[in-house]
Amino acid sequence: MTITSNCWQDGVSNERYHSAEVCDGPSISASGLKAIALDCPAIYWAQSALNPKREPKETRALDFGKAAHALTLGEPTFDAEFVLSPFKDFRKDEAKKWRDEQTRTIITEDDLRVIRLMVAELKSTPHVGAAFTNGTPERSFFWKDKETGVWLKARPDWFPHAPASRYIVEYKSTVSVKPEKFGYQAFDLGYPIQAALMLDVVEAVTGEKPIGIAHAIQMKAPPFLADLQFFTADQIQWGRSLYRKALQTFAECWSRHTAGKPERVAWPGYRTTPEPIFTPFRVAKEIADEQTEIFNVTSTRNLAA
């Protein structure tokens, strides 16, 4: 059923949530807004469900992450979405034939073994495991933004029964949970954008202000350490300013697209006019140091004269 009014729903499939027809108008989620904010409209459009010419991007790392995500949340739909490969690899014709016949995401026995170890470690880490109690996995929220008329979508990995007193939780598998390293990753990948959007959409739909967003992060290699880290109010506000700007850009691009403008006019790349090559910080510093050195030498000669 197409979404026509602000609401939340449980049991929405991944396919439906990400489809172009889920709402009665153009819709966008955090992944799309991050693509626009951190890259450009053209990058977003290439993978958008609204683009009839898109070619979906699937990778082994993405499949592993999806499976880890599903088992961590205890999703009952795991068997419906994933299938265990009976083959070690797909070099032989028999294995290739089996692979090409599958409609579910393929995972290997090694993947499943590692993921089960990850789930056990996460649940045995008190402050992380407790975050995944008294709640619902993947509740979908839909809210039509009043300023742009665009439908905004949010889908918390774990939505607590009492969001005013317990964090909404997002699960991420990562290389390191060391605070300094994950901090760089979180901002490089636009997690504050996702968090701000989620908080705003949830509050708009429920009328209740959530306490915040926490990320349950976990290493993909032994010892599979897990940690729970949350965004501050300042970090959320920074993400909000980025997503609002990206949303406005999306609305303008969509307007040009529906007006029949050429694709690269409707969905531009990083720049639309010739501009100077970007100067890396290191090079800019070297240029500044060289200019300072020339100035000092010249000044010394002038004084000597």
C-alpha atoms as a PDB file:
ATOM      1  CA  MET A   1       0.000   0.000   0.000  1.00  0.00           C
ATOM      2  CA  THR A   2       1.355   3.412  -0.970  1.00  0.00           C
ATOM      3  CA  ILE A   3       2.081   5.839   1.879  1.00  0.00           C
ATOM      4  CA  THR A   4      -0.194   8.874   1.652  1.00  0.00           C
ATOM      5  CA  SER A   5       0.050  10.325   5.180  1.00  0.00           C
ATOM      6  CA  ASN A   6       2.677  10.638   7.907  1.00  0.00           C
ATOM      7  CA  CYS A   7       3.002   7.305   9.688  1.00  0.00           C
ATOM      8  CA  TRP A   8       5.166   4.479  10.962  1.00  0.00           C
ATOM      9  CA  GLN A   9       4.919   0.820   9.972  1.00  0.00           C
ATOM     10  CA  ASP A  10       6.464  -2.464  11.096  1.00  0.00           C
ATOM     11  CA  GLY A  11       7.299  -5.345   8.776  1.00  0.00           C
ATOM     12  CA  VAL A  12       8.085  -3.236   5.720  1.00  0.00           C
ATOM     13  CA  SER A  13      10.400  -5.196   3.433  1.00  0.00           C
ATOM     14  CA  ASN A  14      13.728  -3.740   2.307  1.00  0.00           C
ATOM     15  CA  GLU A  15      12.540  -3.868  -1.289  1.00  0.00           C
ATOM     16  CA  ARG A  16       9.363  -1.899  -0.567  1.00  0.00           C
ATOM     17  CA  TYR A  17      11.032   0.624   1.752  1.00  0.00           C
ATOM     18  CA  HIS A  18      13.621   1.528  -0.874  1.00  0.00           C
ATOM     19  CA  SER A  19      11.249   1.432  -3.852  1.00  0.00           C
ATOM     20  CA  ALA A  20      10.207   4.498  -5.823  1.00  0.00           C
ATOM     21  CA  GLU A  21       6.523   3.663  -5.265  1.00  0.00           C
ATOM     22  CA  VAL A  22       6.550   3.437  -1.462  1.00  0.00           C
ATOM     23  CA  CYS A  23       5.114   6.982  -1.141  1.00  0.00           C
ATOM     24  CA  ASP A  24       2.684   8.957  -3.279  1.00  0.00           C
ATOM     25  CA  GLY A  25       5.449  11.381  -4.253  1.00  0.00           C
ATOM     26  CA  PRO A  26       9.228  11.562  -4.458  1.00  0.00           C
ATOM     27  CA  SER A  27      10.927  10.187  -1.343  1.00  0.00           C
ATOM     28  CA  ILE A  28      14.461  10.108  -0.023  1.00  0.00           C
ATOM     29  CA  SER A  29      16.204   8.506   2.939  1.00  0.00           C
ATOM     30  CA  ALA A  30      19.469   9.188   4.746  1.00  0.00           C
ATOM     31  CA  SER A  31      21.554   7.248   2.225  1.00  0.00           C
ATOM     32  CA  GLY A  32      20.363   9.516  -0.583  1.00  0.00           C
ATOM     33  CA  LEU A  33      20.840  12.712   1.399  1.00  0.00           C
ATOM     34  CA  LYS A  34      24.356  11.599   2.378  1.00  0.00           C
ATOM     35  CA  ALA A  35      25.218  10.960  -1.261  1.00  0.00           C
ATOM     36  CA  ILE A  36      24.126  14.485  -2.178  1.00  0.00           C
ATOM     37  CA  ALA A  37      25.723  16.167   0.841  1.00  0.00           C
ATOM     38  CA  LEU A  38      29.056  14.322   0.732  1.00  0.00           C
ATOM     39  CA  ASP A  39      29.311  13.837  -3.034  1.00  0.00           C
ATOM     40  CA  CYS A  40      26.939  15.383  -5.571  1.00  0.00           C
ATOM     41  CA  PRO A  41      23.471  14.928  -7.094  1.00  0.00           C
ATOM     42  CA  ALA A  42      24.842  12.884 -10.012  1.00  0.00           C
ATOM     43  CA  ILE A  43      26.323  10.293  -7.639  1.00  0.00           C
ATOM     44  CA  TYR A  44      22.996  10.050  -5.813  1.00  0.00           C
ATOM     45  CA  TRP A  45      20.957   9.724  -9.011  1.00  0.00           C
ATOM     46  CA  ALA A  46      23.095   6.902 -10.369  1.00  0.00           C
ATOM     47  CA  GLN A  47      21.952   4.626  -7.515  1.00  0.00           C
ATOM     48  CA  SER A  48      18.519   6.116  -6.775  1.00  0.00           C
ATOM     49  CA  ALA A  49      15.409   3.926  -6.938  1.00  0.00           C
ATOM     50  CA  LEU A  50      13.738   6.902  -8.629  1.00  0.00           C
ATOM     51  CA  ASN A  51      16.121   6.461 -11.570  1.00  0.00           C
ATOM     52  CA  PRO A  52      14.716   3.872 -14.008  1.00  0.00           C
ATOM     53  CA  LYS A  53      18.169   3.421 -15.558  1.00  0.00           C
ATOM     54  CA  ARG A  54      20.068   2.716 -12.340  1.00  0.00           C
ATOM     55  CA  GLU A  55      22.237  -0.368 -11.947  1.00  0.00           C
ATOM     56  CA  PRO A  56      22.097  -1.575  -8.302  1.00  0.00           C
ATOM     57  CA  LYS A  57      25.488  -1.951  -6.661  1.00  0.00           C
ATOM     58  CA  GLU A  58      26.118  -5.114  -4.676  1.00  0.00           C
ATOM     59  CA  THR A  59      29.420  -6.135  -3.104  1.00  0.00           C
ATOM     60  CA  ARG A  60      30.700  -8.948  -0.889  1.00  0.00           C
ATOM     61  CA  ALA A  61      31.317  -6.468   1.926  1.00  0.00           C
ATOM     62  CA  LEU A  62      27.786  -5.131   1.588  1.00  0.00           C
ATOM     63  CA  ASP A  63      26.306  -8.648   1.690  1.00  0.00           C
ATOM     64  CA  PHE A  64      28.316  -9.473   4.829  1.00  0.00           C
ATOM     65  CA  GLY A  65      27.154  -6.273   6.493  1.00  0.00           C
ATOM     66  CA  LYS A  66      23.515  -6.999   5.651  1.00  0.00           C
ATOM     67  CA  ALA A  67      23.727 -10.499   7.112  1.00  0.00           C
ATOM     68  CA  ALA A  68      25.490  -9.307  10.291  1.00  0.00           C
ATOM     69  CA  HIS A  69      22.871  -6.588  10.621  1.00  0.00           C
ATOM     70  CA  ALA A  70      20.001  -9.074  10.222  1.00  0.00           C
ATOM     71  CA  LEU A  71      21.244 -11.619  12.769  1.00  0.00           C
ATOM     72  CA  THR A  72      22.242  -8.968  15.295  1.00  0.00           C
ATOM     73  CA  LEU A  73      18.722  -7.560  15.267  1.00  0.00           C
ATOM     74  CA  GLY A  74      17.260 -11.041  15.491  1.00  0.00           C
ATOM     75  CA  GLU A  75      15.224 -10.509  12.375  1.00  0.00           C
ATOM     76  CA  PRO A  76      12.767 -13.352  11.721  1.00  0.00           C
ATOM     77  CA  THR A  77      13.080 -12.742   7.978  1.00  0.00           C
ATOM     78  CA  PHE A  78      16.730 -13.869   7.804  1.00  0.00           C
ATOM     79  CA  ASP A  79      15.916 -17.143   6.005  1.00  0.00           C
ATOM     80  CA  ALA A  80      13.715 -15.314   3.537  1.00  0.00           C
ATOM     81  CA  GLU A  81      16.457 -12.823   2.630  1.00  0.00           C
ATOM     82  CA  PHE A  82      19.650 -14.928   2.774  1.00  0.00           C
ATOM     83  CA  VAL A  83      20.749 -18.328   1.518  1.00  0.00           C
ATOM     84  CA  LEU A  84      23.800 -20.328   2.608  1.00  0.00           C
ATOM     85  CA  SER A  85      26.084 -21.297  -0.266  1.00  0.00           C
ATOM     86  CA  PRO A  86      26.927 -25.010  -0.564  1.00  0.00           C
ATOM     87  CA  PHE A  87      30.049 -24.056  -2.534  1.00  0.00           C
ATOM     88  CA  LYS A  88      33.394 -22.677  -1.371  1.00  0.00           C
ATOM     89  CA  ASP A  89      33.681 -20.534  -4.500  1.00  0.00           C
ATOM     90  CA  PHE A  90      31.954 -20.103  -7.862  1.00  0.00           C
ATOM     91  CA  ARG A  91      34.697 -21.057 -10.283  1.00  0.00           C
ATOM     92  CA  LYS A  92      33.034 -24.276 -11.511  1.00  0.00           C
ATOM     93  CA  ASP A  93      30.050 -24.263 -13.851  1.00  0.00           C
ATOM     94  CA  GLU A  94      27.817 -26.057 -11.344  1.00  0.00           C
ATOM     95  CA  ALA A  95      28.522 -23.416  -8.708  1.00  0.00           C
ATOM     96  CA  LYS A  96      28.012 -20.569 -11.179  1.00  0.00           C
ATOM     97  CA  LYS A  97      24.674 -22.058 -12.271  1.00  0.00           C
ATOM     98  CA  TRP A  98      23.494 -22.321  -8.650  1.00  0.00           C
ATOM     99  CA  ARG A  99      24.631 -18.767  -7.905  1.00  0.00           C
ATOM    100  CA  ASP A 100      22.830 -17.314 -10.906  1.00  0.00           C
ATOM    101  CA  GLU A 101      19.575 -19.049  -9.914  1.00  0.00           C
ATOM    102  CA  GLN A 102      19.434 -17.483  -6.444  1.00  0.00           C
ATOM    103  CA  THR A 103      17.013 -14.682  -5.639  1.00  0.00           C
ATOM    104  CA  ARG A 104      18.233 -14.274  -2.062  1.00  0.00           C
ATOM    105  CA  THR A 105      21.520 -12.748  -0.886  1.00  0.00           C
ATOM    106  CA  ILE A 106      24.223 -15.426  -0.792  1.00  0.00           C
ATOM    107  CA  ILE A 107      26.433 -15.879   2.263  1.00  0.00           C
ATOM    108  CA  THR A 108      29.142 -18.464   2.882  1.00  0.00           C
ATOM    109  CA  GLU A 109      29.613 -20.837   5.807  1.00  0.00           C
ATOM    110  CA  ASP A 110      32.673 -18.824   6.861  1.00  0.00           C
ATOM    111  CA  ASP A 111      30.618 -15.623   6.809  1.00  0.00           C
ATOM    112  CA  LEU A 112      27.895 -17.196   8.940  1.00  0.00           C
ATOM    113  CA  ARG A 113      30.406 -18.569  11.443  1.00  0.00           C
ATOM    114  CA  VAL A 114      32.024 -15.143  11.874  1.00  0.00           C
ATOM    115  CA  ILE A 115      28.673 -13.384  12.153  1.00  0.00           C
ATOM    116  CA  ARG A 116      27.482 -15.767  14.867  1.00  0.00           C
ATOM    117  CA  LEU A 117      30.675 -15.072  16.818  1.00  0.00           C
ATOM    118  CA  MET A 118      30.042 -11.351  16.413  1.00  0.00           C
ATOM    119  CA  VAL A 119      26.471 -11.660  17.686  1.00  0.00           C
ATOM    120  CA  ALA A 120      27.614 -13.655  20.724  1.00  0.00           C
ATOM    121  CA  GLU A 121      30.282 -11.056  21.556  1.00  0.00           C
ATOM    122  CA  LEU A 122      27.855  -8.156  21.159  1.00  0.00           C
ATOM    123  CA  LYS A 123      25.256  -9.752  23.420  1.00  0.00           C
ATOM    124  CA  SER A 124      27.881 -10.519  26.055  1.00  0.00           C
ATOM    125  CA  THR A 125      29.026  -6.858  26.165  1.00  0.00           C
ATOM    126  CA  PRO A 126      26.669  -5.449  28.840  1.00  0.00           C
ATOM    127  CA  HIS A 127      26.313  -1.828  27.735  1.00  0.00           C
ATOM    128  CA  VAL A 128      25.877  -2.835  24.086  1.00  0.00           C
ATOM    129  CA  GLY A 129      23.702  -5.913  24.414  1.00  0.00           C
ATOM    130  CA  ALA A 130      21.291  -4.076  26.713  1.00  0.00           C
ATOM    131  CA  ALA A 131      20.672  -1.489  23.988  1.00  0.00           C
ATOM    132  CA  PHE A 132      18.902  -4.158  21.907  1.00  0.00           C
ATOM    133  CA  THR A 133      16.176  -4.928  24.453  1.00  0.00           C
ATOM    134  CA  ASN A 134      12.632  -3.635  24.908  1.00  0.00           C
ATOM    135  CA  GLY A 135      12.248  -2.423  21.375  1.00  0.00           C
ATOM    136  CA  THR A 136      11.422  -3.228  17.767  1.00  0.00           C
ATOM    137  CA  PRO A 137      13.837  -3.833  14.879  1.00  0.00           C
ATOM    138  CA  GLU A 138      13.585  -1.759  11.719  1.00  0.00           C
ATOM    139  CA  ARG A 139      10.410   0.230  12.297  1.00  0.00           C
ATOM    140  CA  SER A 140       9.841   2.409   9.217  1.00  0.00           C
ATOM    141  CA  PHE A 141       8.838   6.076   9.517  1.00  0.00           C
ATOM    142  CA  PHE A 142       7.478   8.269   6.729  1.00  0.00           C
ATOM    143  CA  TRP A 143       7.022  12.037   6.951  1.00  0.00           C
ATOM    144  CA  LYS A 144       6.259  14.574   4.235  1.00  0.00           C
ATOM    145  CA  ASP A 145       8.513  17.599   4.646  1.00  0.00           C
ATOM    146  CA  LYS A 146       6.401  20.757   4.679  1.00  0.00           C
ATOM    147  CA  GLU A 147       9.053  23.024   3.140  1.00  0.00           C
ATOM    148  CA  THR A 148       9.900  20.912   0.087  1.00  0.00           C
ATOM    149  CA  GLY A 149       6.957  18.522  -0.234  1.00  0.00           C
ATOM    150  CA  VAL A 150       9.418  15.602  -0.355  1.00  0.00           C
ATOM    151  CA  TRP A 151       8.733  12.438   1.619  1.00  0.00           C
ATOM    152  CA  LEU A 152      11.468  11.689   4.166  1.00  0.00           C
ATOM    153  CA  LYS A 153      12.081   8.112   5.248  1.00  0.00           C
ATOM    154  CA  ALA A 154      13.820   6.800   8.359  1.00  0.00           C
ATOM    155  CA  ARG A 155      14.315   3.239   9.502  1.00  0.00           C
ATOM    156  CA  PRO A 156      16.085   2.822  12.866  1.00  0.00           C
ATOM    157  CA  ASP A 157      17.820  -0.503  13.301  1.00  0.00           C
ATOM    158  CA  TRP A 158      16.395  -0.709  16.830  1.00  0.00           C
ATOM    159  CA  PHE A 159      13.542   1.485  18.014  1.00  0.00           C
ATOM    160  CA  PRO A 160      13.046   1.412  21.814  1.00  0.00           C
ATOM    161  CA  HIS A 161       9.600   1.271  23.365  1.00  0.00           C
ATOM    162  CA  ALA A 162      10.487   4.436  25.328  1.00  0.00           C
ATOM    163  CA  PRO A 163      12.529   6.651  22.930  1.00  0.00           C
ATOM    164  CA  ALA A 164      12.299   9.640  25.283  1.00  0.00           C
ATOM    165  CA  SER A 165      14.475   7.795  27.812  1.00  0.00           C
ATOM    166  CA  ARG A 166      16.385   5.211  25.743  1.00  0.00           C
ATOM    167  CA  TYR A 167      18.565   5.684  22.677  1.00  0.00           C
ATOM    168  CA  ILE A 168      17.439   4.752  19.205  1.00  0.00           C
ATOM    169  CA  VAL A 169      20.193   2.378  18.035  1.00  0.00           C
ATOM    170  CA  GLU A 170      21.989   2.018  14.717  1.00  0.00           C
ATOM    171  CA  TYR A 171      24.228  -1.027  14.208  1.00  0.00           C
ATOM    172  CA  LYS A 172      27.463  -0.720  12.208  1.00  0.00           C
ATOM    173  CA  SER A 173      30.174  -3.320  11.590  1.00  0.00           C
ATOM    174  CA  THR A 174      33.572  -1.671  11.253  1.00  0.00           C
ATOM    175  CA  VAL A 175      37.322  -2.247  11.229  1.00  0.00           C
ATOM    176  CA  SER A 176      37.953  -0.574  14.582  1.00  0.00           C
ATOM    177  CA  VAL A 177      35.828   0.589  17.518  1.00  0.00           C
ATOM    178  CA  LYS A 178      38.634   2.712  18.908  1.00  0.00           C
ATOM    179  CA  PRO A 179      36.875   6.033  19.665  1.00  0.00           C
ATOM    180  CA  GLU A 180      39.313   8.235  17.731  1.00  0.00           C
ATOM    181  CA  LYS A 181      39.203   6.025  14.643  1.00  0.00           C
ATOM    182  CA  PHE A 182      35.448   5.561  14.618  1.00  0.00           C
ATOM    183  CA  GLY A 183      34.967   9.311  15.069  1.00  0.00           C
ATOM    184  CA  TYR A 184      36.734   9.958  11.772  1.00  0.00           C
ATOM    185  CA  GLN A 185      34.729   7.209  10.068  1.00  0.00           C
ATOM    186  CA  ALA A 186      31.417   8.459  11.455  1.00  0.00           C
ATOM    187  CA  PHE A 187      31.888  11.952  10.058  1.00  0.00           C
ATOM    188  CA  ASP A 188      33.499  10.821   6.791  1.00  0.00           C
ATOM    189  CA  LEU A 189      30.486   8.575   6.102  1.00  0.00           C
ATOM    190  CA  GLY A 190      27.893  11.124   7.149  1.00  0.00           C
ATOM    191  CA  TYR A 191      26.457   9.318  10.157  1.00  0.00           C
ATOM    192  CA  PRO A 192      25.413  12.632  11.810  1.00  0.00           C
ATOM    193  CA  ILE A 193      23.271  13.340   8.741  1.00  0.00           C
ATOM    194  CA  GLN A 194      21.492  10.028   9.187  1.00  0.00           C
ATOM    195  CA  ALA A 195      21.071  10.579  12.936  1.00  0.00           C
ATOM    196  CA  ALA A 196      19.636  14.087  12.572  1.00  0.00           C
ATOM    197  CA  LEU A 197      17.194  12.999   9.869  1.00  0.00           C
ATOM    198  CA  MET A 198      16.067  10.032  11.954  1.00  0.00           C
ATOM    199  CA  LEU A 199      15.449  12.138  15.047  1.00  0.00           C
ATOM    200  CA  ASP A 200      13.479  14.755  13.109  1.00  0.00           C
ATOM    201  CA  VAL A 201      11.308  12.236  11.245  1.00  0.00           C
ATOM    202  CA  VAL A 202      10.579  10.167  14.360  1.00  0.00           C
ATOM    203  CA  GLU A 203       9.587  13.268  16.327  1.00  0.00           C
ATOM    204  CA  ALA A 204       7.413  14.577  13.484  1.00  0.00           C
ATOM    205  CA  VAL A 205       5.551  11.263  13.157  1.00  0.00           C
ATOM    206  CA  THR A 206       5.190  10.347  16.845  1.00  0.00           C
ATOM    207  CA  GLY A 207       5.045  13.788  18.438  1.00  0.00           C
ATOM    208  CA  GLU A 208       7.606  12.568  20.972  1.00  0.00           C
ATOM    209  CA  LYS A 209      11.169  13.941  21.124  1.00  0.00           C
ATOM    210  CA  PRO A 210      13.695  11.054  21.216  1.00  0.00           C
ATOM    211  CA  ILE A 211      16.603  11.317  23.658  1.00  0.00           C
ATOM    212  CA  GLY A 212      19.094  10.658  20.850  1.00  0.00           C
ATOM    213  CA  ILE A 213      20.861   8.239  18.529  1.00  0.00           C
ATOM    214  CA  ALA A 214      23.542   5.780  19.620  1.00  0.00           C
ATOM    215  CA  HIS A 215      25.672   3.637  17.325  1.00  0.00           C
ATOM    216  CA  ALA A 216      26.356   0.056  18.294  1.00  0.00           C
ATOM    217  CA  ILE A 217      29.625  -0.532  16.491  1.00  0.00           C
ATOM    218  CA  GLN A 218      31.490  -3.814  16.190  1.00  0.00           C
ATOM    219  CA  MET A 219      34.756  -5.084  14.783  1.00  0.00           C
ATOM    220  CA  LYS A 220      34.487  -7.531  11.874  1.00  0.00           C
ATOM    221  CA  ALA A 221      37.598  -9.423  13.026  1.00  0.00           C
ATOM    222  CA  PRO A 222      38.598 -11.059  16.340  1.00  0.00           C
ATOM    223  CA  PRO A 223      38.088 -10.203  19.129  1.00  0.00           C
ATOM    224  CA  PHE A 224      34.886  -8.700  17.604  1.00  0.00           C
ATOM    225  CA  LEU A 225      34.823  -5.904  20.159  1.00  0.00           C
ATOM    226  CA  ALA A 226      31.545  -3.988  20.421  1.00  0.00           C
ATOM    227  CA  ASP A 227      30.893  -0.507  21.789  1.00  0.00           C
ATOM    228  CA  LEU A 228      28.040   1.998  22.075  1.00  0.00           C
ATOM    229  CA  GLN A 229      28.771   5.620  21.104  1.00  0.00           C
ATOM    230  CA  PHE A 230      26.271   8.470  20.753  1.00  0.00           C
ATOM    231  CA  PHE A 231      26.153  11.864  19.058  1.00  0.00           C
ATOM    232  CA  THR A 232      26.111  15.101  21.030  1.00  0.00           C
ATOM    233  CA  ALA A 233      23.561  17.873  20.421  1.00  0.00           C
ATOM    234  CA  ASP A 234      26.162  19.930  18.515  1.00  0.00           C
ATOM    235  CA  GLN A 235      27.026  16.978  16.287  1.00  0.00           C
ATOM    236  CA  ILE A 236      23.343  16.372  15.561  1.00  0.00           C
ATOM    237  CA  GLN A 237      22.809  20.024  14.678  1.00  0.00           C
ATOM    238  CA  TRP A 238      25.750  19.861  12.271  1.00  0.00           C
ATOM    239  CA  GLY A 239      24.186  16.817  10.613  1.00  0.00           C
ATOM    240  CA  ARG A 240      20.821  18.559  10.479  1.00  0.00           C
ATOM    241  CA  SER A 241      22.228  21.569   8.641  1.00  0.00           C
ATOM    242  CA  LEU A 242      23.820  19.245   6.070  1.00  0.00           C
ATOM    243  CA  TYR A 243      20.720  17.161   5.473  1.00  0.00           C
ATOM    244  CA  ARG A 244      18.458  20.203   5.156  1.00  0.00           C
ATOM    245  CA  LYS A 245      20.781  21.681   2.540  1.00  0.00           C
ATOM    246  CA  ALA A 246      20.944  18.341   0.706  1.00  0.00           C
ATOM    247  CA  LEU A 247      17.148  18.046   0.841  1.00  0.00           C
ATOM    248  CA  GLN A 248      16.751  21.463  -0.755  1.00  0.00           C
ATOM    249  CA  THR A 249      19.228  20.438  -3.462  1.00  0.00           C
ATOM    250  CA  PHE A 250      17.258  17.231  -4.083  1.00  0.00           C
ATOM    251  CA  ALA A 251      13.994  19.179  -4.398  1.00  0.00           C
ATOM    252  CA  GLU A 252      15.558  21.552  -6.935  1.00  0.00           C
ATOM    253  CA  CYS A 253      17.048  18.657  -8.922  1.00  0.00           C
ATOM    254  CA  TRP A 254      13.729  16.801  -8.907  1.00  0.00           C
ATOM    255  CA  SER A 255      11.967  19.910 -10.174  1.00  0.00           C
ATOM    256  CA  ARG A 256      14.393  20.158 -13.103  1.00  0.00           C
ATOM    257  CA  HIS A 257      14.071  16.411 -13.732  1.00  0.00           C
ATOM    258  CA  THR A 258      10.260  16.485 -13.896  1.00  0.00           C
ATOM    259  CA  ALA A 259      10.477  19.537 -16.160  1.00  0.00           C
ATOM    260  CA  GLY A 260      12.332  17.348 -18.670  1.00  0.00           C
ATOM    261  CA  LYS A 261      15.795  18.876 -18.347  1.00  0.00           C
ATOM    262  CA  PRO A 262      18.772  16.768 -19.561  1.00  0.00           C
ATOM    263  CA  GLU A 263      20.041  14.378 -16.894  1.00  0.00           C
ATOM    264  CA  ARG A 264      23.308  16.193 -16.178  1.00  0.00           C
ATOM    265  CA  VAL A 265      21.472  19.511 -15.979  1.00  0.00           C
ATOM    266  CA  ALA A 266      18.893  18.074 -13.607  1.00  0.00           C
ATOM    267  CA  TRP A 267      21.413  16.079 -11.573  1.00  0.00           C
ATOM    268  CA  PRO A 268      24.774  17.897 -11.819  1.00  0.00           C
ATOM    269  CA  GLY A 269      28.187  16.695 -10.747  1.00  0.00           C
ATOM    270  CA  TYR A 270      30.511  18.430  -8.321  1.00  0.00           C
ATOM    271  CA  ARG A 271      30.813  21.627 -10.360  1.00  0.00           C
ATOM    272  CA  THR A 272      28.853  23.313 -13.123  1.00  0.00           C
ATOM    273  CA  THR A 273      31.506  25.844 -14.263  1.00  0.00           C
ATOM    274  CA  PRO A 274      35.293  25.697 -14.747  1.00  0.00           C
ATOM    275  CA  GLU A 275      37.074  26.353 -11.452  1.00  0.00           C
ATOM    276  CA  PRO A 276      40.659  26.155 -10.127  1.00  0.00           C
ATOM    277  CA  ILE A 277      42.059  22.787  -9.102  1.00  0.00           C
ATOM    278  CA  PHE A 278      41.630  22.155  -5.395  1.00  0.00           C
ATOM    279  CA  THR A 279      44.831  22.755  -3.405  1.00  0.00           C
ATOM    280  CA  PRO A 280      45.473  20.070  -0.739  1.00  0.00           C
ATOM    281  CA  PHE A 281      46.242  21.436   2.728  1.00  0.00           C
ATOM    282  CA  ARG A 282      49.815  20.096   2.614  1.00  0.00           C
ATOM    283  CA  VAL A 283      50.546  21.836  -0.666  1.00  0.00           C
ATOM    284  CA  ALA A 284      48.868  25.062   0.478  1.00  0.00           C
ATOM    285  CA  LYS A 285      51.098  25.046   3.557  1.00  0.00           C
ATOM    286  CA  GLU A 286      54.217  24.491   1.437  1.00  0.00           C
ATOM    287  CA  ILE A 287      53.224  27.392  -0.825  1.00  0.00           C
ATOM    288  CA  ALA A 288      52.607  29.635   2.186  1.00  0.00           C
ATOM    289  CA  ASP A 289      55.941  28.627   3.772  1.00  0.00           C
ATOM    290  CA  GLU A 290      57.801  29.287   0.525  1.00  0.00           C
ATOM    291  CA  GLN A 291      56.214  32.713   0.185  1.00  0.00           C
ATOM    292  CA  THR A 292      57.110  33.501   3.805  1.00  0.00           C
ATOM    293  CA  GLU A 293      60.706  32.441   3.174  1.00  0.00           C
ATOM    294  CA  ILE A 294      60.939  34.660   0.055  1.00  0.00           C
ATOM    295  CA  PHE A 295      59.487  37.567   2.015  1.00  0.00           C
ATOM    296  CA  ASN A 296      61.994  37.079   4.834  1.00  0.00           C
ATOM    297  CA  VAL A 297      64.962  36.888   2.440  1.00  0.00           C
ATOM    298  CA  THR A 298      63.791  39.994   0.568  1.00  0.00           C
ATOM    299  CA  SER A 299      63.227  41.897   3.802  1.00  0.00           C
ATOM    300  CA  THR A 300      66.703  40.967   5.066  1.00  0.00           C
ATOM    301  CA  ARG A 301      68.317  42.216   1.822  1.00  0.00           C
ATOM    302  CA  ASN A 302      66.380  45.459   1.975  1.00  0.00           C
ATOM    303  CA  LEU A 303      67.504  46.073   5.551  1.00  0.00           C
ATOM    304  CA  ALA A 304      71.131  45.296   4.619  1.00  0.00           C
ATOM    305  CA  ALA A 305      70.972  47.757   1.763  1.00  0.00           C
END
